[in-house]
Amino acid sequence: MAGPCGSSYSHIGHHPITASSTTVGHLDVYWSSSTKRNCLVTNHSGPTYGVRLFTEARIRPSGYSWPSCPSSTGCDSGFYSYYAGPVYTPAGVDMTNRCIDVTGTVDWTSRTRTRIHCG
């Protein structure tokens, strides 16, 4: 079964977003060895699952500027009930052996991870 990013993407990371020790969502990171790109989905979980809240997913190659929302392949934001994304690293940038930075927000609670999944 294809994941949210497409059939060539494998799930490589699952990072919780917590507010007051309650997990409100996860940053789910994917990698495609055929496209050489990473993908991110910010998923709601626990008390936020199915609740329409501000949600954002943003990804970039480490060292790049954060992409603008919502009008780029690297950022998606809005009032969603289940997830934001999928968002992707830029086309034409070979992410093999390169680190990524990801940030996600669920209900105004954010989590940022930098220099992760370095190939």
PDB file of N, CA and C in Angstrom:
ATOM      1  N   MET A   1       0.841  -1.191   0.000  1.00  0.00           N
ATOM      2  CA  MET A   1       0.000   0.000   0.000  1.00  0.00           C
ATOM      3  C   MET A   1       0.881   1.248   0.000  1.00  0.00           C
ATOM      4  N   ALA A   2       0.559   2.196  -0.844  1.00  0.00           N
ATOM      5  CA  ALA A   2       1.317   3.439  -0.913  1.00  0.00           C
ATOM      6  C   ALA A   2       1.036   4.300   0.306  1.00  0.00           C
ATOM      7  N   GLY A   3       2.075   4.931   0.815  1.00  0.00           N
ATOM      8  CA  GLY A   3       1.915   5.857   1.924  1.00  0.00           C
ATOM      9  C   GLY A   3       1.435   7.210   1.427  1.00  0.00           C
ATOM     10  N   PRO A   4       1.369   8.189   2.317  1.00  0.00           N
ATOM     11  CA  PRO A   4       0.830   9.497   1.941  1.00  0.00           C
ATOM     12  C   PRO A   4       1.696  10.259   0.939  1.00  0.00           C
ATOM     13  N   CYS A   5       2.973   9.908   0.826  1.00  0.00           N
ATOM     14  CA  CYS A   5       3.888  10.640  -0.050  1.00  0.00           C
ATOM     15  C   CYS A   5       4.000  10.027  -1.435  1.00  0.00           C
ATOM     16  N   GLY A   6       3.540   8.794  -1.596  1.00  0.00           N
ATOM     17  CA  GLY A   6       3.655   8.100  -2.867  1.00  0.00           C
ATOM     18  C   GLY A   6       4.275   6.732  -2.682  1.00  0.00           C
ATOM     19  N   SER A   7       4.148   5.899  -3.694  1.00  0.00           N
ATOM     20  CA  SER A   7       4.538   4.502  -3.564  1.00  0.00           C
ATOM     21  C   SER A   7       6.041   4.295  -3.395  1.00  0.00           C
ATOM     22  N   SER A   8       6.879   5.250  -3.821  1.00  0.00           N
ATOM     23  CA  SER A   8       8.326   5.048  -3.711  1.00  0.00           C
ATOM     24  C   SER A   8       8.889   5.501  -2.364  1.00  0.00           C
ATOM     25  N   TYR A   9       8.051   6.046  -1.500  1.00  0.00           N
ATOM     26  CA  TYR A   9       8.534   6.595  -0.228  1.00  0.00           C
ATOM     27  C   TYR A   9       8.402   5.593   0.909  1.00  0.00           C
ATOM     28  N   SER A  10       9.467   5.508   1.732  1.00  0.00           N
ATOM     29  CA  SER A  10       9.480   4.656   2.927  1.00  0.00           C
ATOM     30  C   SER A  10       9.461   5.531   4.169  1.00  0.00           C
ATOM     31  N   HIS A  11       8.758   5.078   5.200  1.00  0.00           N
ATOM     32  CA  HIS A  11       8.670   5.798   6.472  1.00  0.00           C
ATOM     33  C   HIS A  11       9.991   5.644   7.219  1.00  0.00           C
ATOM     34  N   ILE A  12      10.632   6.764   7.570  1.00  0.00           N
ATOM     35  CA  ILE A  12      11.935   6.691   8.242  1.00  0.00           C
ATOM     36  C   ILE A  12      11.975   7.408   9.585  1.00  0.00           C
ATOM     37  N   GLY A  13      10.938   8.168   9.937  1.00  0.00           N
ATOM     38  CA  GLY A  13      10.977   8.894  11.204  1.00  0.00           C
ATOM     39  C   GLY A  13       9.602   9.221  11.734  1.00  0.00           C
ATOM     40  N   HIS A  14       9.477   9.173  13.070  1.00  0.00           N
ATOM     41  CA  HIS A  14       8.202   9.405  13.749  1.00  0.00           C
ATOM     42  C   HIS A  14       8.526  10.211  15.005  1.00  0.00           C
ATOM     43  N   HIS A  15       8.283  11.532  14.978  1.00  0.00           N
ATOM     44  CA  HIS A  15       8.703  12.422  16.056  1.00  0.00           C
ATOM     45  C   HIS A  15       7.478  13.065  16.696  1.00  0.00           C
ATOM     46  N   PRO A  16       7.266  12.842  18.010  1.00  0.00           N
ATOM     47  CA  PRO A  16       6.061  13.368  18.661  1.00  0.00           C
ATOM     48  C   PRO A  16       6.081  14.886  18.830  1.00  0.00           C
ATOM     49  N   ILE A  17       4.885  15.478  18.745  1.00  0.00           N
ATOM     50  CA  ILE A  17       4.657  16.882  19.086  1.00  0.00           C
ATOM     51  C   ILE A  17       3.856  16.850  20.379  1.00  0.00           C
ATOM     52  N   THR A  18       4.414  17.394  21.450  1.00  0.00           N
ATOM     53  CA  THR A  18       3.741  17.293  22.747  1.00  0.00           C
ATOM     54  C   THR A  18       3.422  18.668  23.324  1.00  0.00           C
ATOM     55  N   ALA A  19       2.303  18.712  24.023  1.00  0.00           N
ATOM     56  CA  ALA A  19       1.876  19.913  24.744  1.00  0.00           C
ATOM     57  C   ALA A  19       1.503  19.483  26.153  1.00  0.00           C
ATOM     58  N   SER A  20       2.200  20.014  27.146  1.00  0.00           N
ATOM     59  CA  SER A  20       1.930  19.661  28.547  1.00  0.00           C
ATOM     60  C   SER A  20       1.899  18.148  28.733  1.00  0.00           C
ATOM     61  N   SER A  21       2.899  17.467  28.211  1.00  0.00           N
ATOM     62  CA  SER A  21       3.093  16.014  28.290  1.00  0.00           C
ATOM     63  C   SER A  21       2.023  15.191  27.571  1.00  0.00           C
ATOM     64  N   THR A  22       1.161  15.840  26.785  1.00  0.00           N
ATOM     65  CA  THR A  22       0.178  15.145  25.960  1.00  0.00           C
ATOM     66  C   THR A  22       0.635  15.205  24.508  1.00  0.00           C
ATOM     67  N   THR A  23       0.684  14.049  23.846  1.00  0.00           N
ATOM     68  CA  THR A  23       1.063  14.034  22.443  1.00  0.00           C
ATOM     69  C   THR A  23      -0.132  14.463  21.603  1.00  0.00           C
ATOM     70  N   VAL A  24       0.042  15.572  20.866  1.00  0.00           N
ATOM     71  CA  VAL A  24      -1.046  16.118  20.047  1.00  0.00           C
ATOM     72  C   VAL A  24      -0.850  15.809  18.565  1.00  0.00           C
ATOM     73  N   GLY A  25       0.349  15.323  18.211  1.00  0.00           N
ATOM     74  CA  GLY A  25       0.615  14.996  16.818  1.00  0.00           C
ATOM     75  C   GLY A  25       1.984  14.389  16.639  1.00  0.00           C
ATOM     76  N   HIS A  26       2.312  14.077  15.391  1.00  0.00           N
ATOM     77  CA  HIS A  26       3.613  13.504  15.057  1.00  0.00           C
ATOM     78  C   HIS A  26       4.121  14.092  13.750  1.00  0.00           C
ATOM     79  N   LEU A  27       5.437  14.242  13.672  1.00  0.00           N
ATOM     80  CA  LEU A  27       6.116  14.553  12.425  1.00  0.00           C
ATOM     81  C   LEU A  27       6.516  13.214  11.819  1.00  0.00           C
ATOM     82  N   ASP A  28       5.919  12.840  10.708  1.00  0.00           N
ATOM     83  CA  ASP A  28       6.254  11.586  10.048  1.00  0.00           C
ATOM     84  C   ASP A  28       7.074  11.888   8.800  1.00  0.00           C
ATOM     85  N   VAL A  29       8.307  11.360   8.778  1.00  0.00           N
ATOM     86  CA  VAL A  29       9.269  11.653   7.723  1.00  0.00           C
ATOM     87  C   VAL A  29       9.422  10.435   6.819  1.00  0.00           C
ATOM     88  N   TYR A  30       9.529  10.703   5.521  1.00  0.00           N
ATOM     89  CA  TYR A  30       9.639   9.648   4.507  1.00  0.00           C
ATOM     90  C   TYR A  30      10.820   9.951   3.581  1.00  0.00           C
ATOM     91  N   TRP A  31      11.327   8.899   2.933  1.00  0.00           N
ATOM     92  CA  TRP A  31      12.455   9.011   1.999  1.00  0.00           C
ATOM     93  C   TRP A  31      12.174   8.157   0.765  1.00  0.00           C
ATOM     94  N   SER A  32      12.536   8.690  -0.395  1.00  0.00           N
ATOM     95  CA  SER A  32      12.440   7.937  -1.637  1.00  0.00           C
ATOM     96  C   SER A  32      13.822   7.838  -2.265  1.00  0.00           C
ATOM     97  N   SER A  33      14.343   6.614  -2.394  1.00  0.00           N
ATOM     98  CA  SER A  33      15.651   6.448  -3.024  1.00  0.00           C
ATOM     99  C   SER A  33      15.568   6.645  -4.533  1.00  0.00           C
ATOM    100  N   SER A  34      14.371   6.532  -5.113  1.00  0.00           N
ATOM    101  CA  SER A  34      14.248   6.735  -6.557  1.00  0.00           C
ATOM    102  C   SER A  34      14.151   8.213  -6.922  1.00  0.00           C
ATOM    103  N   THR A  35      13.445   9.020  -6.122  1.00  0.00           N
ATOM    104  CA  THR A  35      13.360  10.461  -6.424  1.00  0.00           C
ATOM    105  C   THR A  35      14.434  11.263  -5.704  1.00  0.00           C
ATOM    106  N   LYS A  36      15.106  10.636  -4.724  1.00  0.00           N
ATOM    107  CA  LYS A  36      16.147  11.301  -3.911  1.00  0.00           C
ATOM    108  C   LYS A  36      15.589  12.497  -3.153  1.00  0.00           C
ATOM    109  N   ARG A  37      14.331  12.375  -2.717  1.00  0.00           N
ATOM    110  CA  ARG A  37      13.678  13.460  -1.979  1.00  0.00           C
ATOM    111  C   ARG A  37      13.113  12.936  -0.669  1.00  0.00           C
ATOM    112  N   ASN A  38      12.974  13.850   0.296  1.00  0.00           N
ATOM    113  CA  ASN A  38      12.296  13.557   1.550  1.00  0.00           C
ATOM    114  C   ASN A  38      10.906  14.161   1.511  1.00  0.00           C
ATOM    115  N   CYS A  39      10.053  13.636   2.391  1.00  0.00           N
ATOM    116  CA  CYS A  39       8.667  14.071   2.490  1.00  0.00           C
ATOM    117  C   CYS A  39       8.290  14.116   3.964  1.00  0.00           C
ATOM    118  N   LEU A  40       7.380  15.014   4.300  1.00  0.00           N
ATOM    119  CA  LEU A  40       6.907  15.165   5.673  1.00  0.00           C
ATOM    120  C   LEU A  40       5.393  15.282   5.692  1.00  0.00           C
ATOM    121  N   VAL A  41       4.782  14.598   6.677  1.00  0.00           N
ATOM    122  CA  VAL A  41       3.373  14.766   6.981  1.00  0.00           C
ATOM    123  C   VAL A  41       3.279  15.040   8.486  1.00  0.00           C
ATOM    124  N   THR A  42       2.543  16.087   8.868  1.00  0.00           N
ATOM    125  CA  THR A  42       2.254  16.342  10.278  1.00  0.00           C
ATOM    126  C   THR A  42       0.882  15.760  10.564  1.00  0.00           C
ATOM    127  N   ASN A  43       0.845  14.719  11.404  1.00  0.00           N
ATOM    128  CA  ASN A  43      -0.396  14.011  11.719  1.00  0.00           C
ATOM    129  C   ASN A  43      -0.923  14.401  13.089  1.00  0.00           C
ATOM    130  N   HIS A  44      -2.225  14.553  13.186  1.00  0.00           N
ATOM    131  CA  HIS A  44      -2.873  14.715  14.490  1.00  0.00           C
ATOM    132  C   HIS A  44      -2.854  13.359  15.204  1.00  0.00           C
ATOM    133  N   SER A  45      -2.847  13.393  16.531  1.00  0.00           N
ATOM    134  CA  SER A  45      -3.001  12.155  17.298  1.00  0.00           C
ATOM    135  C   SER A  45      -3.600  12.473  18.654  1.00  0.00           C
ATOM    136  N   GLY A  46      -4.079  11.432  19.323  1.00  0.00           N
ATOM    137  CA  GLY A  46      -4.666  11.614  20.644  1.00  0.00           C
ATOM    138  C   GLY A  46      -5.848  12.562  20.617  1.00  0.00           C
ATOM    139  N   PRO A  47      -5.853  13.566  21.514  1.00  0.00           N
ATOM    140  CA  PRO A  47      -7.028  14.444  21.651  1.00  0.00           C
ATOM    141  C   PRO A  47      -7.286  15.337  20.442  1.00  0.00           C
ATOM    142  N   THR A  48      -6.311  15.488  19.539  1.00  0.00           N
ATOM    143  CA  THR A  48      -6.510  16.371  18.396  1.00  0.00           C
ATOM    144  C   THR A  48      -6.997  15.619  17.153  1.00  0.00           C
ATOM    145  N   TYR A  49      -6.984  14.282  17.194  1.00  0.00           N
ATOM    146  CA  TYR A  49      -7.346  13.498  16.009  1.00  0.00           C
ATOM    147  C   TYR A  49      -8.814  13.735  15.644  1.00  0.00           C
ATOM    148  N   GLY A  50      -9.036  14.196  14.419  1.00  0.00           N
ATOM    149  CA  GLY A  50     -10.397  14.465  13.957  1.00  0.00           C
ATOM    150  C   GLY A  50     -10.938  15.825  14.332  1.00  0.00           C
ATOM    151  N   VAL A  51     -10.115  16.643  15.007  1.00  0.00           N
ATOM    152  CA  VAL A  51     -10.547  17.976  15.427  1.00  0.00           C
ATOM    153  C   VAL A  51      -9.913  19.012  14.494  1.00  0.00           C
ATOM    154  N   ARG A  52     -10.723  19.912  13.951  1.00  0.00           N
ATOM    155  CA  ARG A  52     -10.235  20.914  13.006  1.00  0.00           C
ATOM    156  C   ARG A  52      -9.453  21.982  13.750  1.00  0.00           C
ATOM    157  N   LEU A  53      -8.125  21.948  13.559  1.00  0.00           N
ATOM    158  CA  LEU A  53      -7.209  22.851  14.264  1.00  0.00           C
ATOM    159  C   LEU A  53      -6.153  23.364  13.294  1.00  0.00           C
ATOM    160  N   PHE A  54      -5.480  24.445  13.671  1.00  0.00           N
ATOM    161  CA  PHE A  54      -4.379  24.907  12.844  1.00  0.00           C
ATOM    162  C   PHE A  54      -3.296  23.831  12.806  1.00  0.00           C
ATOM    163  N   THR A  55      -2.889  23.464  11.599  1.00  0.00           N
ATOM    164  CA  THR A  55      -1.906  22.395  11.397  1.00  0.00           C
ATOM    165  C   THR A  55      -0.942  22.833  10.300  1.00  0.00           C
ATOM    166  N   GLU A  56       0.349  22.563  10.520  1.00  0.00           N
ATOM    167  CA  GLU A  56       1.351  22.953   9.530  1.00  0.00           C
ATOM    168  C   GLU A  56       2.421  21.883   9.407  1.00  0.00           C
ATOM    169  N   ALA A  57       2.912  21.700   8.188  1.00  0.00           N
ATOM    170  CA  ALA A  57       4.059  20.833   7.912  1.00  0.00           C
ATOM    171  C   ALA A  57       5.025  21.627   7.047  1.00  0.00           C
ATOM    172  N   ARG A  58       6.306  21.621   7.431  1.00  0.00           N
ATOM    173  CA  ARG A  58       7.313  22.383   6.687  1.00  0.00           C
ATOM    174  C   ARG A  58       8.615  21.585   6.681  1.00  0.00           C
ATOM    175  N   ILE A  59       9.249  21.481   5.513  1.00  0.00           N
ATOM    176  CA  ILE A  59      10.488  20.711   5.366  1.00  0.00           C
ATOM    177  C   ILE A  59      11.468  21.484   4.502  1.00  0.00           C
ATOM    178  N   ARG A  60      12.760  21.308   4.791  1.00  0.00           N
ATOM    179  CA  ARG A  60      13.805  21.934   3.970  1.00  0.00           C
ATOM    180  C   ARG A  60      15.092  21.128   4.081  1.00  0.00           C
ATOM    181  N   PRO A  61      15.940  21.203   3.061  1.00  0.00           N
ATOM    182  CA  PRO A  61      17.300  20.688   3.229  1.00  0.00           C
ATOM    183  C   PRO A  61      18.008  21.557   4.271  1.00  0.00           C
ATOM    184  N   SER A  62      18.778  20.959   5.168  1.00  0.00           N
ATOM    185  CA  SER A  62      19.495  21.742   6.180  1.00  0.00           C
ATOM    186  C   SER A  62      20.368  22.783   5.490  1.00  0.00           C
ATOM    187  N   GLY A  63      20.321  24.014   5.999  1.00  0.00           N
ATOM    188  CA  GLY A  63      21.089  25.097   5.425  1.00  0.00           C
ATOM    189  C   GLY A  63      20.286  25.974   4.480  1.00  0.00           C
ATOM    190  N   TYR A  64      19.121  25.508   4.057  1.00  0.00           N
ATOM    191  CA  TYR A  64      18.246  26.295   3.194  1.00  0.00           C
ATOM    192  C   TYR A  64      17.318  27.154   4.055  1.00  0.00           C
ATOM    193  N   SER A  65      16.666  28.139   3.440  1.00  0.00           N
ATOM    194  CA  SER A  65      15.646  28.933   4.128  1.00  0.00           C
ATOM    195  C   SER A  65      14.362  28.108   4.241  1.00  0.00           C
ATOM    196  N   TRP A  66      13.577  28.386   5.270  1.00  0.00           N
ATOM    197  CA  TRP A  66      12.282  27.720   5.390  1.00  0.00           C
ATOM    198  C   TRP A  66      11.398  28.135   4.213  1.00  0.00           C
ATOM    199  N   PRO A  67      10.695  27.193   3.598  1.00  0.00           N
ATOM    200  CA  PRO A  67       9.803  27.540   2.489  1.00  0.00           C
ATOM    201  C   PRO A  67       8.592  28.327   2.983  1.00  0.00           C
ATOM    202  N   SER A  68       8.031  29.127   2.090  1.00  0.00           N
ATOM    203  CA  SER A  68       6.865  29.933   2.465  1.00  0.00           C
ATOM    204  C   SER A  68       5.602  29.075   2.453  1.00  0.00           C
ATOM    205  N   CYS A  69       4.677  29.438   3.309  1.00  0.00           N
ATOM    206  CA  CYS A  69       3.387  28.746   3.378  1.00  0.00           C
ATOM    207  C   CYS A  69       2.317  29.625   2.784  1.00  0.00           C
ATOM    208  N   PRO A  70       1.289  29.053   2.208  1.00  0.00           N
ATOM    209  CA  PRO A  70       1.139  27.629   1.892  1.00  0.00           C
ATOM    210  C   PRO A  70       1.511  27.324   0.451  1.00  0.00           C
ATOM    211  N   SER A  71       2.128  28.264  -0.235  1.00  0.00           N
ATOM    212  CA  SER A  71       2.225  28.158  -1.698  1.00  0.00           C
ATOM    213  C   SER A  71       3.541  27.574  -2.190  1.00  0.00           C
ATOM    214  N   SER A  72       4.036  26.519  -1.554  1.00  0.00           N
ATOM    215  CA  SER A  72       5.249  25.875  -2.045  1.00  0.00           C
ATOM    216  C   SER A  72       5.158  24.378  -1.802  1.00  0.00           C
ATOM    217  N   THR A  73       6.045  23.628  -2.458  1.00  0.00           N
ATOM    218  CA  THR A  73       6.046  22.172  -2.241  1.00  0.00           C
ATOM    219  C   THR A  73       6.548  21.820  -0.846  1.00  0.00           C
ATOM    220  N   GLY A  74       7.252  22.751  -0.183  1.00  0.00           N
ATOM    221  CA  GLY A  74       7.845  22.457   1.115  1.00  0.00           C
ATOM    222  C   GLY A  74       7.027  22.860   2.311  1.00  0.00           C
ATOM    223  N   CYS A  75       5.834  23.429   2.091  1.00  0.00           N
ATOM    224  CA  CYS A  75       5.033  23.856   3.237  1.00  0.00           C
ATOM    225  C   CYS A  75       3.545  23.744   2.943  1.00  0.00           C
ATOM    226  N   ASP A  76       2.818  23.272   3.945  1.00  0.00           N
ATOM    227  CA  ASP A  76       1.359  23.210   3.880  1.00  0.00           C
ATOM    228  C   ASP A  76       0.830  23.619   5.246  1.00  0.00           C
ATOM    229  N   SER A  77      -0.151  24.507   5.259  1.00  0.00           N
ATOM    230  CA  SER A  77      -0.767  24.885   6.528  1.00  0.00           C
ATOM    231  C   SER A  77      -2.222  25.232   6.299  1.00  0.00           C
ATOM    232  N   GLY A  78      -2.987  25.075   7.355  1.00  0.00           N
ATOM    233  CA  GLY A  78      -4.399  25.391   7.301  1.00  0.00           C
ATOM    234  C   GLY A  78      -5.103  24.800   8.506  1.00  0.00           C
ATOM    235  N   PHE A  79      -6.415  24.870   8.496  1.00  0.00           N
ATOM    236  CA  PHE A  79      -7.210  24.292   9.575  1.00  0.00           C
ATOM    237  C   PHE A  79      -7.671  22.917   9.111  1.00  0.00           C
ATOM    238  N   TYR A  80      -6.979  21.882   9.604  1.00  0.00           N
ATOM    239  CA  TYR A  80      -7.202  20.506   9.182  1.00  0.00           C
ATOM    240  C   TYR A  80      -7.583  19.641  10.379  1.00  0.00           C
ATOM    241  N   SER A  81      -8.296  18.542  10.087  1.00  0.00           N
ATOM    242  CA  SER A  81      -8.754  17.644  11.152  1.00  0.00           C
ATOM    243  C   SER A  81      -7.828  16.456  11.390  1.00  0.00           C
ATOM    244  N   TYR A  82      -6.999  16.105  10.395  1.00  0.00           N
ATOM    245  CA  TYR A  82      -6.196  14.893  10.527  1.00  0.00           C
ATOM    246  C   TYR A  82      -4.710  15.092  10.244  1.00  0.00           C
ATOM    247  N   TYR A  83      -4.353  15.893   9.232  1.00  0.00           N
ATOM    248  CA  TYR A  83      -2.942  16.051   8.902  1.00  0.00           C
ATOM    249  C   TYR A  83      -2.724  17.260   7.989  1.00  0.00           C
ATOM    250  N   ALA A  84      -1.461  17.720   7.949  1.00  0.00           N
ATOM    251  CA  ALA A  84      -1.001  18.689   6.955  1.00  0.00           C
ATOM    252  C   ALA A  84       0.078  18.007   6.132  1.00  0.00           C
ATOM    253  N   GLY A  85       0.120  18.325   4.857  1.00  0.00           N
ATOM    254  CA  GLY A  85       1.081  17.696   3.957  1.00  0.00           C
ATOM    255  C   GLY A  85       0.347  16.757   3.025  1.00  0.00           C
ATOM    256  N   PRO A  86       1.081  15.938   2.299  1.00  0.00           N
ATOM    257  CA  PRO A  86       2.543  15.800   2.349  1.00  0.00           C
ATOM    258  C   PRO A  86       3.256  16.982   1.702  1.00  0.00           C
ATOM    259  N   VAL A  87       4.442  17.301   2.249  1.00  0.00           N
ATOM    260  CA  VAL A  87       5.316  18.322   1.690  1.00  0.00           C
ATOM    261  C   VAL A  87       6.667  17.676   1.392  1.00  0.00           C
ATOM    262  N   TYR A  88       7.385  18.257   0.437  1.00  0.00           N
ATOM    263  CA  TYR A  88       8.589  17.614  -0.095  1.00  0.00           C
ATOM    264  C   TYR A  88       9.774  18.569  -0.119  1.00  0.00           C
ATOM    265  N   THR A  89      10.991  17.995  -0.062  1.00  0.00           N
ATOM    266  CA  THR A  89      12.189  18.787  -0.326  1.00  0.00           C
ATOM    267  C   THR A  89      12.162  19.192  -1.802  1.00  0.00           C
ATOM    268  N   PRO A  90      12.903  20.249  -2.173  1.00  0.00           N
ATOM    269  CA  PRO A  90      12.798  20.783  -3.537  1.00  0.00           C
ATOM    270  C   PRO A  90      13.172  19.759  -4.618  1.00  0.00           C
ATOM    271  N   ALA A  91      12.438  19.794  -5.714  1.00  0.00           N
ATOM    272  CA  ALA A  91      12.763  18.955  -6.866  1.00  0.00           C
ATOM    273  C   ALA A  91      14.133  19.377  -7.394  1.00  0.00           C
ATOM    274  N   GLY A  92      14.913  18.416  -7.823  1.00  0.00           N
ATOM    275  CA  GLY A  92      16.222  18.720  -8.384  1.00  0.00           C
ATOM    276  C   GLY A  92      17.332  18.816  -7.349  1.00  0.00           C
ATOM    277  N   VAL A  93      16.985  18.736  -6.058  1.00  0.00           N
ATOM    278  CA  VAL A  93      18.000  18.727  -5.003  1.00  0.00           C
ATOM    279  C   VAL A  93      18.147  17.279  -4.530  1.00  0.00           C
ATOM    280  N   ASP A  94      19.291  16.660  -4.848  1.00  0.00           N
ATOM    281  CA  ASP A  94      19.547  15.273  -4.456  1.00  0.00           C
ATOM    282  C   ASP A  94      19.825  15.245  -2.953  1.00  0.00           C
ATOM    283  N   MET A  95      18.923  14.624  -2.201  1.00  0.00           N
ATOM    284  CA  MET A  95      19.024  14.613  -0.745  1.00  0.00           C
ATOM    285  C   MET A  95      19.823  13.419  -0.211  1.00  0.00           C
ATOM    286  N   THR A  96      20.430  12.633  -1.096  1.00  0.00           N
ATOM    287  CA  THR A  96      21.270  11.519  -0.660  1.00  0.00           C
ATOM    288  C   THR A  96      22.386  12.050   0.233  1.00  0.00           C
ATOM    289  N   ASN A  97      22.519  11.489   1.432  1.00  0.00           N
ATOM    290  CA  ASN A  97      23.553  11.879   2.393  1.00  0.00           C
ATOM    291  C   ASN A  97      23.480  13.343   2.809  1.00  0.00           C
ATOM    292  N   ARG A  98      22.297  13.939   2.706  1.00  0.00           N
ATOM    293  CA  ARG A  98      22.084  15.305   3.189  1.00  0.00           C
ATOM    294  C   ARG A  98      21.065  15.286   4.308  1.00  0.00           C
ATOM    295  N   CYS A  99      21.228  16.208   5.244  1.00  0.00           N
ATOM    296  CA  CYS A  99      20.304  16.316   6.375  1.00  0.00           C
ATOM    297  C   CYS A  99      19.097  17.157   5.993  1.00  0.00           C
ATOM    298  N   ILE A 100      18.011  16.943   6.742  1.00  0.00           N
ATOM    299  CA  ILE A 100      16.818  17.760   6.581  1.00  0.00           C
ATOM    300  C   ILE A 100      16.460  18.418   7.899  1.00  0.00           C
ATOM    301  N   ASP A 101      15.708  19.502   7.788  1.00  0.00           N
ATOM    302  CA  ASP A 101      15.073  20.152   8.930  1.00  0.00           C
ATOM    303  C   ASP A 101      13.573  20.043   8.713  1.00  0.00           C
ATOM    304  N   VAL A 102      12.848  19.735   9.775  1.00  0.00           N
ATOM    305  CA  VAL A 102      11.393  19.653   9.686  1.00  0.00           C
ATOM    306  C   VAL A 102      10.782  20.413  10.852  1.00  0.00           C
ATOM    307  N   THR A 103       9.611  20.968  10.608  1.00  0.00           N
ATOM    308  CA  THR A 103       8.853  21.578  11.698  1.00  0.00           C
ATOM    309  C   THR A 103       7.374  21.305  11.444  1.00  0.00           C
ATOM    310  N   GLY A 104       6.656  21.099  12.510  1.00  0.00           N
ATOM    311  CA  GLY A 104       5.230  20.837  12.399  1.00  0.00           C
ATOM    312  C   GLY A 104       4.492  21.468  13.552  1.00  0.00           C
ATOM    313  N   THR A 105       3.243  21.818  13.290  1.00  0.00           N
ATOM    314  CA  THR A 105       2.401  22.457  14.298  1.00  0.00           C
ATOM    315  C   THR A 105       1.035  21.783  14.305  1.00  0.00           C
ATOM    316  N   VAL A 106       0.546  21.489  15.501  1.00  0.00           N
ATOM    317  CA  VAL A 106      -0.830  21.032  15.687  1.00  0.00           C
ATOM    318  C   VAL A 106      -1.409  21.871  16.816  1.00  0.00           C
ATOM    319  N   ASP A 107      -2.501  22.573  16.545  1.00  0.00           N
ATOM    320  CA  ASP A 107      -3.166  23.409  17.550  1.00  0.00           C
ATOM    321  C   ASP A 107      -2.187  24.396  18.192  1.00  0.00           C
ATOM    322  N   TRP A 108      -1.348  25.027  17.376  1.00  0.00           N
ATOM    323  CA  TRP A 108      -0.387  26.047  17.791  1.00  0.00           C
ATOM    324  C   TRP A 108       0.742  25.495  18.654  1.00  0.00           C
ATOM    325  N   THR A 109       0.850  24.184  18.803  1.00  0.00           N
ATOM    326  CA  THR A 109       2.000  23.572  19.465  1.00  0.00           C
ATOM    327  C   THR A 109       2.943  23.066  18.382  1.00  0.00           C
ATOM    328  N   SER A 110       4.208  23.509  18.432  1.00  0.00           N
ATOM    329  CA  SER A 110       5.154  23.188  17.368  1.00  0.00           C
ATOM    330  C   SER A 110       6.286  22.300  17.856  1.00  0.00           C
ATOM    331  N   ARG A 111       6.869  21.577  16.902  1.00  0.00           N
ATOM    332  CA  ARG A 111       8.081  20.798  17.151  1.00  0.00           C
ATOM    333  C   ARG A 111       8.976  20.973  15.937  1.00  0.00           C
ATOM    334  N   THR A 112      10.221  21.308  16.177  1.00  0.00           N
ATOM    335  CA  THR A 112      11.191  21.460  15.105  1.00  0.00           C
ATOM    336  C   THR A 112      12.354  20.509  15.369  1.00  0.00           C
ATOM    337  N   ARG A 113      12.762  19.797  14.348  1.00  0.00           N
ATOM    338  CA  ARG A 113      13.935  18.930  14.417  1.00  0.00           C
ATOM    339  C   ARG A 113      14.876  19.363  13.304  1.00  0.00           C
ATOM    340  N   THR A 114      16.139  19.617  13.650  1.00  0.00           N
ATOM    341  CA  THR A 114      17.098  20.064  12.646  1.00  0.00           C
ATOM    342  C   THR A 114      18.218  19.036  12.484  1.00  0.00           C
ATOM    343  N   ARG A 115      18.778  19.010  11.283  1.00  0.00           N
ATOM    344  CA  ARG A 115      19.872  18.127  10.921  1.00  0.00           C
ATOM    345  C   ARG A 115      19.570  16.669  11.287  1.00  0.00           C
ATOM    346  N   ILE A 116      18.442  16.173  10.801  1.00  0.00           N
ATOM    347  CA  ILE A 116      18.054  14.789  11.057  1.00  0.00           C
ATOM    348  C   ILE A 116      18.050  14.002   9.737  1.00  0.00           C
ATOM    349  N   HIS A 117      18.025  12.688   9.871  1.00  0.00           N
ATOM    350  CA  HIS A 117      17.937  11.769   8.725  1.00  0.00           C
ATOM    351  C   HIS A 117      18.969  12.138   7.656  1.00  0.00           C
ATOM    352  N   CYS A 118      20.224  12.112   8.080  1.00  0.00           N
ATOM    353  CA  CYS A 118      21.317  12.599   7.239  1.00  0.00           C
ATOM    354  C   CYS A 118      21.850  11.541   6.263  1.00  0.00           C
ATOM    355  N   GLY A 119      20.976  10.718   5.750  1.00  0.00           N
ATOM    356  CA  GLY A 119      21.323   9.836   4.667  1.00  0.00           C
ATOM    357  C   GLY A 119      21.925   8.528   5.050  1.00  0.00           C
TER     358      GLY A 119
END
